[in-house]
């Protein structure tokens, strides 16, 4: 009996010692950073470098650059007029695009409208887009002379002058050039390109004048490049008058300012200097459905329209 009791005691001591050994081994494993969990090893050591997809590590920014959320794209201006790339088929629909049409219009205007004693010599000619006070576009032939600016409604279908107006250069008070702008509460779509606006009166335009679409006494004019400008840049031999680019409103602006300054210096040096402004050209149009239809259909240009030309 005593022997049996001694054996049980030895087994108990051996079990206790083994448990202590196992515990110490486990503690040693924990200190070493590796724990044995049924054959699966869990790495606890801290990595030397941050994971490549981590944004923050220990409070510092990761070296990997992260793209910020893409912002909503800004709305692009609707190209109603003032240039813009057009296809060859659309370009051929303009009667002014036909070879010789522009030169014929200039020669016709010179012989029928220009008065040498009043206008002086011809300085340049352009085919531009006039934008009226109701935001409607109209194709206009513009001739700059020593003393005047002549704006012609030339019918390229019938090859004849329908109407014209003469603006005396020394009467111009201001010339502005810049991007187009609409009033804040206007629902009209944005207009691409730049415009040139000229004033020949310092008086404010009355509300009656503004709201009458048939009024022809507005003391200012707004011009933009002709829609054929991009096509012409590809085929410059179609329109070539001396060294000018006759569809580009920027070259017209330069020549107009030079002409106004020259005529002031020679004819009226005591008159106030021309006010040359760089800034937005305001079109006071708020909700003109007619101008939208008119401009999108290019009704103000001499074009072939499904077998009918007007």
C-alpha atoms as a PDB file:
ATOM      1  CA  UNK A   1       0.000   0.000   0.000  1.00  0.00           C
ATOM      2  CA  UNK A   2       2.804   2.377   0.882  1.00  0.00           C
ATOM      3  CA  UNK A   3       4.455   1.644  -2.449  1.00  0.00           C
ATOM      4  CA  UNK A   4       1.230   2.386  -4.356  1.00  0.00           C
ATOM      5  CA  UNK A   5       0.775   5.655  -2.501  1.00  0.00           C
ATOM      6  CA  UNK A   6       4.396   6.639  -3.271  1.00  0.00           C
ATOM      7  CA  UNK A   7       3.882   5.892  -7.015  1.00  0.00           C
ATOM      8  CA  UNK A   8       0.726   8.049  -7.128  1.00  0.00           C
ATOM      9  CA  UNK A   9       2.634  10.859  -5.417  1.00  0.00           C
ATOM     10  CA  UNK A  10       5.484  10.565  -7.908  1.00  0.00           C
ATOM     11  CA  UNK A  11       2.974  10.701 -10.821  1.00  0.00           C
ATOM     12  CA  UNK A  12       1.332  13.758  -9.313  1.00  0.00           C
ATOM     13  CA  UNK A  13       4.675  15.521  -8.892  1.00  0.00           C
ATOM     14  CA  UNK A  14       5.683  14.536 -12.408  1.00  0.00           C
ATOM     15  CA  UNK A  15       2.389  15.915 -13.802  1.00  0.00           C
ATOM     16  CA  UNK A  16       2.836  19.167 -11.880  1.00  0.00           C
ATOM     17  CA  UNK A  17       6.404  19.508 -13.095  1.00  0.00           C
ATOM     18  CA  UNK A  18       5.309  18.808 -16.668  1.00  0.00           C
ATOM     19  CA  UNK A  19       2.582  21.446 -16.403  1.00  0.00           C
ATOM     20  CA  UNK A  20       5.120  23.967 -15.151  1.00  0.00           C
ATOM     21  CA  UNK A  21       7.447  23.070 -17.990  1.00  0.00           C
ATOM     22  CA  UNK A  22       4.619  23.438 -20.555  1.00  0.00           C
ATOM     23  CA  UNK A  23       3.597  26.792 -19.070  1.00  0.00           C
ATOM     24  CA  UNK A  24       7.164  28.060 -19.142  1.00  0.00           C
ATOM     25  CA  UNK A  25       7.513  26.828 -22.708  1.00  0.00           C
ATOM     26  CA  UNK A  26       4.340  28.651 -23.735  1.00  0.00           C
ATOM     27  CA  UNK A  27       5.542  31.806 -22.011  1.00  0.00           C
ATOM     28  CA  UNK A  28       8.849  31.465 -23.769  1.00  0.00           C
ATOM     29  CA  UNK A  29       6.972  31.071 -27.062  1.00  0.00           C
ATOM     30  CA  UNK A  30       4.969  34.236 -26.356  1.00  0.00           C
ATOM     31  CA  UNK A  31       8.111  36.183 -25.588  1.00  0.00           C
ATOM     32  CA  UNK A  32       9.672  34.930 -28.783  1.00  0.00           C
ATOM     33  CA  UNK A  33       6.677  36.177 -30.779  1.00  0.00           C
ATOM     34  CA  UNK A  34       5.406  32.809 -32.055  1.00  0.00           C
ATOM     35  CA  UNK A  35       2.592  30.822 -30.496  1.00  0.00           C
ATOM     36  CA  UNK A  36       1.877  27.256 -31.446  1.00  0.00           C
ATOM     37  CA  UNK A  37      -1.846  26.975 -32.021  1.00  0.00           C
ATOM     38  CA  UNK A  38      -2.556  23.492 -33.346  1.00  0.00           C
ATOM     39  CA  UNK A  39       0.051  23.691 -36.021  1.00  0.00           C
ATOM     40  CA  UNK A  40      -0.906  27.256 -37.108  1.00  0.00           C
ATOM     41  CA  UNK A  41       1.720  29.939 -36.520  1.00  0.00           C
ATOM     42  CA  UNK A  42       0.561  33.560 -36.020  1.00  0.00           C
ATOM     43  CA  UNK A  43       3.288  36.140 -36.742  1.00  0.00           C
ATOM     44  CA  UNK A  44       3.198  38.914 -34.123  1.00  0.00           C
ATOM     45  CA  UNK A  45       6.396  40.745 -35.037  1.00  0.00           C
ATOM     46  CA  UNK A  46       5.793  44.343 -36.219  1.00  0.00           C
ATOM     47  CA  UNK A  47       6.704  44.787 -39.917  1.00  0.00           C
ATOM     48  CA  UNK A  48       9.586  47.089 -40.614  1.00  0.00           C
ATOM     49  CA  UNK A  49       7.719  48.992 -43.352  1.00  0.00           C
ATOM     50  CA  UNK A  50       4.082  49.974 -43.767  1.00  0.00           C
ATOM     51  CA  UNK A  51       1.914  47.841 -46.030  1.00  0.00           C
ATOM     52  CA  UNK A  52       1.754  49.306 -49.531  1.00  0.00           C
ATOM     53  CA  UNK A  53      -1.977  49.852 -49.331  1.00  0.00           C
ATOM     54  CA  UNK A  54      -1.988  51.541 -45.927  1.00  0.00           C
ATOM     55  CA  UNK A  55      -2.977  55.211 -45.827  1.00  0.00           C
ATOM     56  CA  UNK A  56      -1.650  55.888 -42.340  1.00  0.00           C
ATOM     57  CA  UNK A  57       0.974  54.085 -40.269  1.00  0.00           C
ATOM     58  CA  UNK A  58       1.939  55.207 -36.780  1.00  0.00           C
ATOM     59  CA  UNK A  59       0.341  58.561 -37.408  1.00  0.00           C
ATOM     60  CA  UNK A  60       2.492  59.270 -40.487  1.00  0.00           C
ATOM     61  CA  UNK A  61       1.326  59.441 -44.069  1.00  0.00           C
ATOM     62  CA  UNK A  62       2.174  56.447 -46.182  1.00  0.00           C
ATOM     63  CA  UNK A  63       4.497  57.021 -49.088  1.00  0.00           C
ATOM     64  CA  UNK A  64       1.978  55.613 -51.549  1.00  0.00           C
ATOM     65  CA  UNK A  65      -0.030  58.366 -53.208  1.00  0.00           C
ATOM     66  CA  UNK A  66      -3.785  57.975 -53.124  1.00  0.00           C
ATOM     67  CA  UNK A  67      -6.048  59.549 -55.680  1.00  0.00           C
ATOM     68  CA  UNK A  68      -8.693  61.769 -54.186  1.00  0.00           C
ATOM     69  CA  UNK A  69     -12.320  61.102 -55.152  1.00  0.00           C
ATOM     70  CA  UNK A  70     -12.911  62.376 -58.643  1.00  0.00           C
ATOM     71  CA  UNK A  71     -14.936  65.554 -58.693  1.00  0.00           C
ATOM     72  CA  UNK A  72     -17.955  65.909 -60.937  1.00  0.00           C
ATOM     73  CA  UNK A  73     -16.869  67.213 -64.371  1.00  0.00           C
ATOM     74  CA  UNK A  74     -17.654  70.842 -65.029  1.00  0.00           C
ATOM     75  CA  UNK A  75     -20.324  71.396 -67.674  1.00  0.00           C
ATOM     76  CA  UNK A  76     -18.806  72.301 -70.998  1.00  0.00           C
ATOM     77  CA  UNK A  77     -20.130  75.312 -72.885  1.00  0.00           C
ATOM     78  CA  UNK A  78     -22.592  74.531 -75.629  1.00  0.00           C
ATOM     79  CA  UNK A  79     -21.133  75.555 -78.966  1.00  0.00           C
ATOM     80  CA  UNK A  80     -23.959  77.520 -80.525  1.00  0.00           C
ATOM     81  CA  UNK A  81     -21.725  79.680 -82.648  1.00  0.00           C
ATOM     82  CA  UNK A  82     -18.555  81.692 -82.688  1.00  0.00           C
ATOM     83  CA  UNK A  83     -16.487  79.042 -84.415  1.00  0.00           C
ATOM     84  CA  UNK A  84     -16.246  75.413 -83.485  1.00  0.00           C
ATOM     85  CA  UNK A  85     -15.097  72.452 -85.527  1.00  0.00           C
ATOM     86  CA  UNK A  86     -17.563  71.379 -88.204  1.00  0.00           C
ATOM     87  CA  UNK A  87     -17.397  68.606 -90.752  1.00  0.00           C
ATOM     88  CA  UNK A  88     -16.679  69.046 -94.425  1.00  0.00           C
ATOM     89  CA  UNK A  89     -20.281  68.138 -95.341  1.00  0.00           C
ATOM     90  CA  UNK A  90     -21.705  70.813 -93.034  1.00  0.00           C
ATOM     91  CA  UNK A  91     -19.172  73.344 -94.312  1.00  0.00           C
ATOM     92  CA  UNK A  92     -20.233  72.716 -97.896  1.00  0.00           C
ATOM     93  CA  UNK A  93     -23.761  73.694 -96.924  1.00  0.00           C
ATOM     94  CA  UNK A  94     -22.641  77.292 -96.408  1.00  0.00           C
ATOM     95  CA  UNK A  95     -22.787  79.233 -99.659  1.00  0.00           C
ATOM     96  CA  UNK A  96     -20.013  81.479 -98.339  1.00  0.00           C
ATOM     97  CA  UNK A  97     -17.727  78.431 -98.245  1.00  0.00           C
ATOM     98  CA  UNK A  98     -17.749  78.030-101.983  1.00  0.00           C
ATOM     99  CA  UNK A  99     -14.550  79.156-103.739  1.00  0.00           C
ATOM    100  CA  UNK A 100     -14.750  82.774-104.856  1.00  0.00           C
ATOM    101  CA  UNK A 101     -17.941  83.560-102.900  1.00  0.00           C
ATOM    102  CA  UNK A 102     -16.190  85.751-100.342  1.00  0.00           C
ATOM    103  CA  UNK A 103     -14.168  87.674-102.937  1.00  0.00           C
ATOM    104  CA  UNK A 104     -17.324  88.256-104.993  1.00  0.00           C
ATOM    105  CA  UNK A 105     -19.143  89.636-101.930  1.00  0.00           C
ATOM    106  CA  UNK A 106     -16.271  92.013-101.166  1.00  0.00           C
ATOM    107  CA  UNK A 107     -16.040  93.263-104.766  1.00  0.00           C
ATOM    108  CA  UNK A 108     -19.818  93.721-104.962  1.00  0.00           C
ATOM    109  CA  UNK A 109     -19.838  95.770-101.758  1.00  0.00           C
ATOM    110  CA  UNK A 110     -16.897  97.872-102.903  1.00  0.00           C
ATOM    111  CA  UNK A 111     -18.622  98.779-106.146  1.00  0.00           C
ATOM    112  CA  UNK A 112     -22.144  99.333-104.758  1.00  0.00           C
ATOM    113  CA  UNK A 113     -21.663 100.658-101.222  1.00  0.00           C
ATOM    114  CA  UNK A 114     -18.220 102.170-100.700  1.00  0.00           C
ATOM    115  CA  UNK A 115     -17.965 105.931-101.211  1.00  0.00           C
ATOM    116  CA  UNK A 116     -14.306 106.953-101.627  1.00  0.00           C
ATOM    117  CA  UNK A 117     -14.957 110.512-100.435  1.00  0.00           C
ATOM    118  CA  UNK A 118     -16.657 109.287 -97.258  1.00  0.00           C
ATOM    119  CA  UNK A 119     -15.098 105.921 -96.519  1.00  0.00           C
ATOM    120  CA  UNK A 120     -11.581 106.290 -97.887  1.00  0.00           C
ATOM    121  CA  UNK A 121      -9.613 103.199 -98.848  1.00  0.00           C
ATOM    122  CA  UNK A 122     -10.463  99.626 -97.910  1.00  0.00           C
ATOM    123  CA  UNK A 123      -8.291  98.334 -95.066  1.00  0.00           C
ATOM    124  CA  UNK A 124      -9.703  94.834 -94.644  1.00  0.00           C
ATOM    125  CA  UNK A 125     -12.750  92.592 -94.977  1.00  0.00           C
ATOM    126  CA  UNK A 126     -14.150  89.848 -92.748  1.00  0.00           C
ATOM    127  CA  UNK A 127     -17.014  87.402 -92.762  1.00  0.00           C
ATOM    128  CA  UNK A 128     -18.203  87.284 -89.161  1.00  0.00           C
ATOM    129  CA  UNK A 129     -21.172  86.401 -86.987  1.00  0.00           C
ATOM    130  CA  UNK A 130     -23.148  89.332 -85.602  1.00  0.00           C
ATOM    131  CA  UNK A 131     -25.038  88.659 -82.360  1.00  0.00           C
ATOM    132  CA  UNK A 132     -27.987  90.984 -81.836  1.00  0.00           C
ATOM    133  CA  UNK A 133     -29.509  92.121 -78.542  1.00  0.00           C
ATOM    134  CA  UNK A 134     -31.788  89.060 -78.529  1.00  0.00           C
ATOM    135  CA  UNK A 135     -28.839  86.662 -78.874  1.00  0.00           C
ATOM    136  CA  UNK A 136     -29.655  85.778 -82.487  1.00  0.00           C
ATOM    137  CA  UNK A 137     -26.769  85.081 -84.856  1.00  0.00           C
ATOM    138  CA  UNK A 138     -26.536  86.584 -88.310  1.00  0.00           C
ATOM    139  CA  UNK A 139     -23.918  86.157 -91.021  1.00  0.00           C
ATOM    140  CA  UNK A 140     -22.394  89.523 -91.842  1.00  0.00           C
ATOM    141  CA  UNK A 141     -19.773  90.817 -94.233  1.00  0.00           C
ATOM    142  CA  UNK A 142     -17.741  93.505 -92.455  1.00  0.00           C
ATOM    143  CA  UNK A 143     -15.575  95.991 -94.332  1.00  0.00           C
ATOM    144  CA  UNK A 144     -13.140  98.284 -92.545  1.00  0.00           C
ATOM    145  CA  UNK A 145     -12.111 101.446 -94.352  1.00  0.00           C
ATOM    146  CA  UNK A 146     -10.012 104.436 -93.397  1.00  0.00           C
ATOM    147  CA  UNK A 147     -13.006 106.219 -91.885  1.00  0.00           C
ATOM    148  CA  UNK A 148     -15.868 103.777 -91.490  1.00  0.00           C
ATOM    149  CA  UNK A 149     -16.978 100.289 -90.629  1.00  0.00           C
ATOM    150  CA  UNK A 150     -19.564  98.897 -93.027  1.00  0.00           C
ATOM    151  CA  UNK A 151     -21.683  95.947 -91.893  1.00  0.00           C
ATOM    152  CA  UNK A 152     -23.383  94.199 -94.802  1.00  0.00           C
ATOM    153  CA  UNK A 153     -26.161  91.633 -94.963  1.00  0.00           C
ATOM    154  CA  UNK A 154     -24.994  89.857 -98.090  1.00  0.00           C
ATOM    155  CA  UNK A 155     -27.162  87.140 -99.597  1.00  0.00           C
ATOM    156  CA  UNK A 156     -24.677  84.510-100.726  1.00  0.00           C
ATOM    157  CA  UNK A 157     -27.450  82.512-102.410  1.00  0.00           C
ATOM    158  CA  UNK A 158     -28.492  85.311-104.754  1.00  0.00           C
ATOM    159  CA  UNK A 159     -25.046  87.010-104.592  1.00  0.00           C
ATOM    160  CA  UNK A 160     -26.495  90.407-103.776  1.00  0.00           C
ATOM    161  CA  UNK A 161     -26.642  92.932-100.946  1.00  0.00           C
ATOM    162  CA  UNK A 162     -29.826  92.916 -98.897  1.00  0.00           C
ATOM    163  CA  UNK A 163     -28.975  95.742 -96.485  1.00  0.00           C
ATOM    164  CA  UNK A 164     -26.029  97.484 -94.816  1.00  0.00           C
ATOM    165  CA  UNK A 165     -25.173 100.036 -92.138  1.00  0.00           C
ATOM    166  CA  UNK A 166     -22.260 102.458 -91.957  1.00  0.00           C
ATOM    167  CA  UNK A 167     -20.551 103.177 -88.625  1.00  0.00           C
ATOM    168  CA  UNK A 168     -18.166 106.148 -88.507  1.00  0.00           C
ATOM    169  CA  UNK A 169     -14.973 105.136 -86.704  1.00  0.00           C
ATOM    170  CA  UNK A 170     -14.430 108.441 -84.925  1.00  0.00           C
ATOM    171  CA  UNK A 171     -17.870 108.038 -83.330  1.00  0.00           C
ATOM    172  CA  UNK A 172     -16.893 104.805 -81.585  1.00  0.00           C
ATOM    173  CA  UNK A 173     -16.495 105.369 -77.864  1.00  0.00           C
ATOM    174  CA  UNK A 174     -15.461 101.906 -76.650  1.00  0.00           C
ATOM    175  CA  UNK A 175     -14.276  98.543 -77.961  1.00  0.00           C
ATOM    176  CA  UNK A 176     -14.384  95.473 -75.735  1.00  0.00           C
ATOM    177  CA  UNK A 177     -13.062  91.967 -76.323  1.00  0.00           C
ATOM    178  CA  UNK A 178     -13.447  88.881 -74.146  1.00  0.00           C
ATOM    179  CA  UNK A 179     -15.450  85.711 -73.464  1.00  0.00           C
ATOM    180  CA  UNK A 180     -19.213  85.788 -73.645  1.00  0.00           C
ATOM    181  CA  UNK A 181     -21.231  86.155 -70.473  1.00  0.00           C
ATOM    182  CA  UNK A 182     -24.924  85.986 -69.598  1.00  0.00           C
ATOM    183  CA  UNK A 183     -26.788  87.466 -66.619  1.00  0.00           C
ATOM    184  CA  UNK A 184     -26.750  85.296 -63.467  1.00  0.00           C
ATOM    185  CA  UNK A 185     -30.461  84.471 -63.720  1.00  0.00           C
ATOM    186  CA  UNK A 186     -30.366  83.674 -67.450  1.00  0.00           C
ATOM    187  CA  UNK A 187     -31.312  80.158 -68.543  1.00  0.00           C
ATOM    188  CA  UNK A 188     -29.571  80.495 -71.902  1.00  0.00           C
ATOM    189  CA  UNK A 189     -26.753  77.995 -72.572  1.00  0.00           C
ATOM    190  CA  UNK A 190     -23.175  79.230 -72.416  1.00  0.00           C
ATOM    191  CA  UNK A 191     -21.549  80.415 -75.604  1.00  0.00           C
ATOM    192  CA  UNK A 192     -18.035  79.338 -76.578  1.00  0.00           C
ATOM    193  CA  UNK A 193     -15.353  81.553 -78.022  1.00  0.00           C
ATOM    194  CA  UNK A 194     -14.716  85.271 -77.644  1.00  0.00           C
ATOM    195  CA  UNK A 195     -16.541  88.298 -78.935  1.00  0.00           C
ATOM    196  CA  UNK A 196     -15.872  91.906 -79.876  1.00  0.00           C
ATOM    197  CA  UNK A 197     -18.349  94.565 -78.804  1.00  0.00           C
ATOM    198  CA  UNK A 198     -18.233  98.162 -79.985  1.00  0.00           C
ATOM    199  CA  UNK A 199     -20.220 101.162 -78.751  1.00  0.00           C
ATOM    200  CA  UNK A 200     -20.891 104.403 -80.604  1.00  0.00           C
ATOM    201  CA  UNK A 201     -22.923 106.087 -77.871  1.00  0.00           C
ATOM    202  CA  UNK A 202     -22.375 106.622 -74.168  1.00  0.00           C
ATOM    203  CA  UNK A 203     -26.100 106.625 -73.443  1.00  0.00           C
ATOM    204  CA  UNK A 204     -27.691 103.703 -71.658  1.00  0.00           C
ATOM    205  CA  UNK A 205     -29.923 101.452 -73.737  1.00  0.00           C
ATOM    206  CA  UNK A 206     -33.525 101.727 -72.567  1.00  0.00           C
ATOM    207  CA  UNK A 207     -35.640  98.744 -71.566  1.00  0.00           C
ATOM    208  CA  UNK A 208     -37.937  99.370 -74.530  1.00  0.00           C
ATOM    209  CA  UNK A 209     -34.987  99.139 -76.904  1.00  0.00           C
ATOM    210  CA  UNK A 210     -33.736  95.923 -75.303  1.00  0.00           C
ATOM    211  CA  UNK A 211     -37.056  94.096 -75.318  1.00  0.00           C
ATOM    212  CA  UNK A 212     -37.966  94.935 -78.917  1.00  0.00           C
ATOM    213  CA  UNK A 213     -36.464  92.171 -81.103  1.00  0.00           C
ATOM    214  CA  UNK A 214     -37.001  94.279 -84.251  1.00  0.00           C
ATOM    215  CA  UNK A 215     -35.258  97.373 -82.922  1.00  0.00           C
ATOM    216  CA  UNK A 216     -32.412  98.518 -85.162  1.00  0.00           C
ATOM    217  CA  UNK A 217     -31.357 101.524 -83.092  1.00  0.00           C
ATOM    218  CA  UNK A 218     -29.241  99.648 -80.558  1.00  0.00           C
ATOM    219  CA  UNK A 219     -26.034 101.762 -80.263  1.00  0.00           C
ATOM    220  CA  UNK A 220     -23.673  98.811 -80.130  1.00  0.00           C
ATOM    221  CA  UNK A 221     -22.734  95.724 -82.124  1.00  0.00           C
ATOM    222  CA  UNK A 222     -21.312  92.338 -81.090  1.00  0.00           C
ATOM    223  CA  UNK A 223     -19.287  90.118 -83.405  1.00  0.00           C
ATOM    224  CA  UNK A 224     -17.892  86.601 -83.121  1.00  0.00           C
ATOM    225  CA  UNK A 225     -15.903  84.383 -85.460  1.00  0.00           C
ATOM    226  CA  UNK A 226     -17.783  82.749 -88.316  1.00  0.00           C
ATOM    227  CA  UNK A 227     -18.670  79.044 -87.827  1.00  0.00           C
ATOM    228  CA  UNK A 228     -16.400  78.207 -90.758  1.00  0.00           C
ATOM    229  CA  UNK A 229     -13.277  79.393 -88.932  1.00  0.00           C
ATOM    230  CA  UNK A 230     -11.965  75.906 -88.109  1.00  0.00           C
ATOM    231  CA  UNK A 231     -12.570  74.591 -91.611  1.00  0.00           C
ATOM    232  CA  UNK A 232     -10.844  77.622 -93.086  1.00  0.00           C
ATOM    233  CA  UNK A 233      -7.753  77.070 -90.971  1.00  0.00           C
ATOM    234  CA  UNK A 234      -7.446  73.658 -92.619  1.00  0.00           C
ATOM    235  CA  UNK A 235      -8.042  75.059 -96.099  1.00  0.00           C
ATOM    236  CA  UNK A 236      -6.656  78.617 -96.018  1.00  0.00           C
ATOM    237  CA  UNK A 237      -6.726  79.074 -99.786  1.00  0.00           C
ATOM    238  CA  UNK A 238     -10.535  79.226 -99.809  1.00  0.00           C
ATOM    239  CA  UNK A 239     -10.570  82.641 -98.108  1.00  0.00           C
ATOM    240  CA  UNK A 240      -7.497  84.745 -98.616  1.00  0.00           C
ATOM    241  CA  UNK A 241      -7.659  88.527 -98.688  1.00  0.00           C
ATOM    242  CA  UNK A 242      -4.149  90.025 -98.612  1.00  0.00           C
ATOM    243  CA  UNK A 243      -2.678  88.783 -95.295  1.00  0.00           C
ATOM    244  CA  UNK A 244      -5.839  88.894 -93.133  1.00  0.00           C
ATOM    245  CA  UNK A 245      -7.816  86.014 -91.691  1.00  0.00           C
ATOM    246  CA  UNK A 246     -11.302  87.120 -92.690  1.00  0.00           C
ATOM    247  CA  UNK A 247     -13.263  84.731 -90.486  1.00  0.00           C
ATOM    248  CA  UNK A 248     -11.383  85.339 -87.258  1.00  0.00           C
ATOM    249  CA  UNK A 249     -12.757  87.929 -84.846  1.00  0.00           C
ATOM    250  CA  UNK A 250      -9.373  88.369 -83.135  1.00  0.00           C
ATOM    251  CA  UNK A 251      -7.749  89.810 -86.280  1.00  0.00           C
ATOM    252  CA  UNK A 252     -10.802  92.008 -86.797  1.00  0.00           C
ATOM    253  CA  UNK A 253     -10.385  93.387 -83.273  1.00  0.00           C
ATOM    254  CA  UNK A 254      -6.746  94.324 -83.866  1.00  0.00           C
ATOM    255  CA  UNK A 255      -7.515  96.088 -87.152  1.00  0.00           C
ATOM    256  CA  UNK A 256     -10.554  97.880 -85.682  1.00  0.00           C
ATOM    257  CA  UNK A 257      -8.592  99.313 -82.744  1.00  0.00           C
ATOM    258  CA  UNK A 258      -5.772 100.434 -85.026  1.00  0.00           C
ATOM    259  CA  UNK A 259      -8.255 102.045 -87.410  1.00  0.00           C
ATOM    260  CA  UNK A 260     -10.039 103.922 -84.625  1.00  0.00           C
ATOM    261  CA  UNK A 261      -6.789 105.211 -83.160  1.00  0.00           C
ATOM    262  CA  UNK A 262      -5.518 106.282 -86.579  1.00  0.00           C
ATOM    263  CA  UNK A 263      -8.633 108.236 -87.513  1.00  0.00           C
ATOM    264  CA  UNK A 264      -8.648 109.954 -84.114  1.00  0.00           C
ATOM    265  CA  UNK A 265      -5.041 110.992 -84.486  1.00  0.00           C
ATOM    266  CA  UNK A 266      -5.565 112.472 -87.945  1.00  0.00           C
ATOM    267  CA  UNK A 267      -9.123 113.836 -87.832  1.00  0.00           C
ATOM    268  CA  UNK A 268     -10.101 114.536 -84.222  1.00  0.00           C
ATOM    269  CA  UNK A 269      -7.064 114.601 -81.917  1.00  0.00           C
ATOM    270  CA  UNK A 270      -8.990 116.634 -79.317  1.00  0.00           C
ATOM    271  CA  UNK A 271     -11.759 114.028 -78.964  1.00  0.00           C
ATOM    272  CA  UNK A 272     -11.716 111.602 -75.996  1.00  0.00           C
ATOM    273  CA  UNK A 273      -9.478 108.597 -76.428  1.00  0.00           C
ATOM    274  CA  UNK A 274     -11.015 105.294 -77.437  1.00  0.00           C
ATOM    275  CA  UNK A 275     -11.828 103.143 -74.409  1.00  0.00           C
ATOM    276  CA  UNK A 276     -10.252  99.728 -75.049  1.00  0.00           C
ATOM    277  CA  UNK A 277     -11.543  97.096 -72.627  1.00  0.00           C
ATOM    278  CA  UNK A 278     -10.584  93.478 -72.060  1.00  0.00           C
ATOM    279  CA  UNK A 279     -13.374  91.669 -70.253  1.00  0.00           C
ATOM    280  CA  UNK A 280     -16.553  89.603 -70.613  1.00  0.00           C
ATOM    281  CA  UNK A 281     -18.952  90.572 -73.376  1.00  0.00           C
ATOM    282  CA  UNK A 282     -22.398  90.614 -71.799  1.00  0.00           C
ATOM    283  CA  UNK A 283     -25.374  89.278 -73.768  1.00  0.00           C
ATOM    284  CA  UNK A 284     -28.524  90.334 -71.937  1.00  0.00           C
ATOM    285  CA  UNK A 285     -30.645  87.390 -72.937  1.00  0.00           C
ATOM    286  CA  UNK A 286     -32.624  85.513 -70.305  1.00  0.00           C
ATOM    287  CA  UNK A 287     -35.004  83.009 -71.904  1.00  0.00           C
ATOM    288  CA  UNK A 288     -35.191  83.436 -75.669  1.00  0.00           C
ATOM    289  CA  UNK A 289     -36.619  80.264 -77.203  1.00  0.00           C
ATOM    290  CA  UNK A 290     -36.591  81.865 -80.628  1.00  0.00           C
ATOM    291  CA  UNK A 291     -32.847  82.559 -80.528  1.00  0.00           C
ATOM    292  CA  UNK A 292     -32.162  78.958 -79.483  1.00  0.00           C
ATOM    293  CA  UNK A 293     -34.066  77.614 -82.484  1.00  0.00           C
ATOM    294  CA  UNK A 294     -32.652  80.302 -84.761  1.00  0.00           C
ATOM    295  CA  UNK A 295     -29.015  79.656 -83.773  1.00  0.00           C
ATOM    296  CA  UNK A 296     -29.134  75.860 -83.680  1.00  0.00           C
ATOM    297  CA  UNK A 297     -30.676  75.817 -87.167  1.00  0.00           C
ATOM    298  CA  UNK A 298     -28.294  78.545 -88.390  1.00  0.00           C
ATOM    299  CA  UNK A 299     -31.197  80.445 -89.898  1.00  0.00           C
ATOM    300  CA  UNK A 300     -29.101  83.602 -89.989  1.00  0.00           C
ATOM    301  CA  UNK A 301     -26.651  82.107 -92.513  1.00  0.00           C
ATOM    302  CA  UNK A 302     -26.949  81.525 -96.253  1.00  0.00           C
ATOM    303  CA  UNK A 303     -27.172  77.752 -96.399  1.00  0.00           C
ATOM    304  CA  UNK A 304     -28.521  74.887 -98.413  1.00  0.00           C
ATOM    305  CA  UNK A 305     -31.296  73.236 -96.401  1.00  0.00           C
ATOM    306  CA  UNK A 306     -32.566  69.975 -97.836  1.00  0.00           C
ATOM    307  CA  UNK A 307     -32.729  71.167-101.398  1.00  0.00           C
ATOM    308  CA  UNK A 308     -33.948  74.637-100.405  1.00  0.00           C
ATOM    309  CA  UNK A 309     -31.412  77.460-100.207  1.00  0.00           C
ATOM    310  CA  UNK A 310     -31.878  80.540 -98.059  1.00  0.00           C
END
